[in-house]
Protein backbone atom coordinates (compact mmCIF):
# COMPACT_ATOMS: atom_id res chain seq x y z
CA MET A 1 138.54 165.89 228.95
CA GLN A 2 137.29 169.40 228.30
CA SER A 3 133.70 168.16 228.27
CA PHE A 4 134.24 167.06 231.87
CA GLY A 5 135.50 170.54 232.80
CA MET A 6 139.16 169.57 232.88
CA LYS A 7 141.92 171.91 231.84
CA THR A 8 143.88 170.35 228.99
CA ILE A 9 147.59 170.84 228.58
CA GLY A 10 149.75 169.14 226.03
CA PHE A 11 152.97 168.77 224.16
CA ASP A 12 153.38 168.13 220.46
CA PRO A 13 156.60 168.79 218.58
CA ILE A 14 154.68 169.47 215.37
CA ILE A 15 151.75 171.60 216.54
CA SER A 16 152.48 175.17 217.55
CA LYS A 17 151.33 176.88 220.72
CA GLU A 18 148.90 178.94 218.61
CA GLU A 19 147.38 175.86 216.95
CA ALA A 20 146.97 174.14 220.31
CA ALA A 21 145.23 177.22 221.70
CA LYS A 22 142.55 176.93 218.98
CA SER A 23 141.52 173.67 220.68
CA ASN A 24 141.75 175.15 224.20
CA ILE A 25 144.98 173.27 224.91
CA ASP A 26 147.77 175.00 226.78
CA TRP A 27 150.92 173.92 224.91
CA MET A 28 153.88 173.25 227.21
CA THR A 29 157.23 171.54 227.14
CA LEU A 30 157.34 168.07 228.65
CA ASP A 31 159.33 169.29 231.65
CA GLU A 32 156.72 171.99 232.30
CA MET A 33 153.86 169.56 231.82
CA TRP A 34 154.84 166.50 233.93
CA PRO A 35 154.42 168.11 237.39
CA LEU A 36 150.98 169.51 236.50
CA CYS A 37 149.30 166.37 235.16
CA ASP A 38 146.60 164.49 237.03
CA TYR A 39 145.99 162.33 233.95
CA ILE A 40 148.33 161.63 231.05
CA THR A 41 146.86 160.35 227.81
CA VAL A 42 149.19 159.25 225.05
CA HIS A 43 148.27 159.91 221.41
CA THR A 44 151.48 159.70 219.42
CA PRO A 45 153.18 157.41 216.94
CA LEU A 46 156.03 155.22 218.12
CA ILE A 47 159.12 156.85 216.68
CA PRO A 48 162.66 157.08 218.09
CA GLN A 49 161.78 160.36 219.86
CA THR A 50 158.74 158.83 221.64
CA LYS A 51 160.12 155.39 222.53
CA GLY A 52 160.16 155.17 226.33
CA LEU A 53 158.74 158.70 226.66
CA LEU A 54 157.16 157.75 229.96
CA ASN A 55 159.97 156.24 231.99
CA ASP A 56 161.46 156.34 235.50
CA ALA A 57 162.68 159.92 235.03
CA SER A 58 159.37 161.29 233.69
CA PHE A 59 157.30 159.44 236.31
CA ALA A 60 159.53 160.95 239.01
CA LYS A 61 158.61 164.44 237.75
CA CYS A 62 154.87 163.74 237.91
CA LYS A 63 152.45 164.29 240.75
CA LYS A 64 152.14 161.30 243.06
CA GLY A 65 149.11 159.32 241.94
CA VAL A 66 149.12 160.46 238.30
CA ARG A 67 146.99 158.25 236.08
CA VAL A 68 148.11 157.14 232.64
CA ILE A 69 146.17 156.07 229.56
CA ASN A 70 147.98 154.76 226.49
CA CYS A 71 145.81 154.28 223.45
CA ALA A 72 148.60 154.98 220.97
CA ARG A 73 151.42 152.44 220.60
CA GLY A 74 153.26 149.98 222.79
CA GLY A 75 156.79 151.09 223.60
CA ILE A 76 155.95 154.73 224.28
CA ILE A 77 155.59 153.80 227.93
CA ASP A 78 158.47 151.87 229.48
CA GLU A 79 156.37 149.03 230.91
CA GLU A 80 158.86 148.13 233.64
CA ALA A 81 159.03 151.79 234.74
CA LEU A 82 155.23 151.90 234.76
CA LEU A 83 155.10 148.81 236.96
CA ARG A 84 157.58 150.37 239.41
CA ALA A 85 155.52 153.60 239.43
CA LEU A 86 152.32 151.64 240.10
CA GLU A 87 153.90 149.60 242.88
CA SER A 88 155.28 152.71 244.60
CA GLY A 89 152.05 154.71 244.23
CA GLN A 90 153.74 157.32 242.05
CA CYS A 91 151.27 156.23 239.37
CA GLY A 92 147.76 155.78 240.73
CA GLY A 93 146.45 153.73 237.83
CA ALA A 94 146.98 152.92 234.19
CA GLY A 95 144.81 151.96 231.26
CA LEU A 96 146.68 150.29 228.43
CA ASP A 97 145.28 148.82 225.28
CA VAL A 98 148.68 148.51 223.60
CA TYR A 99 151.86 146.80 224.71
CA VAL A 100 155.38 146.24 223.41
CA THR A 101 154.55 142.55 222.99
CA GLU A 102 151.00 141.60 222.08
CA PRO A 103 149.40 139.75 223.59
CA PRO A 104 151.16 141.04 226.71
CA THR A 105 153.39 138.57 228.52
CA ASN A 106 153.94 140.51 231.76
CA VAL A 107 150.92 139.52 233.83
CA ASP A 108 151.81 142.09 236.50
CA LEU A 109 150.74 144.97 234.23
């Protein structure tokens, strides 16, 4: 994203603010980050703390039209919440290469 001139912000419970800064990433909490994002890319393992990370509540905190890319694991994004966000326009588009069930069974996504 930085090569396209975009400002990168991020959250990682393991990486410190100082470590993130070395890669020109402004480390923020999730609640600070959601309203600022134009694009959300997911790069995290599926663990209990990340299951359903993007859900109705987090989409509601985002800018209208936010775009989402999940290239990590299925289950991090609540697929039904994503569909609702897409249908309402809260989410302007999504790129998924992973799903909870593979191959995906919900043809609406």
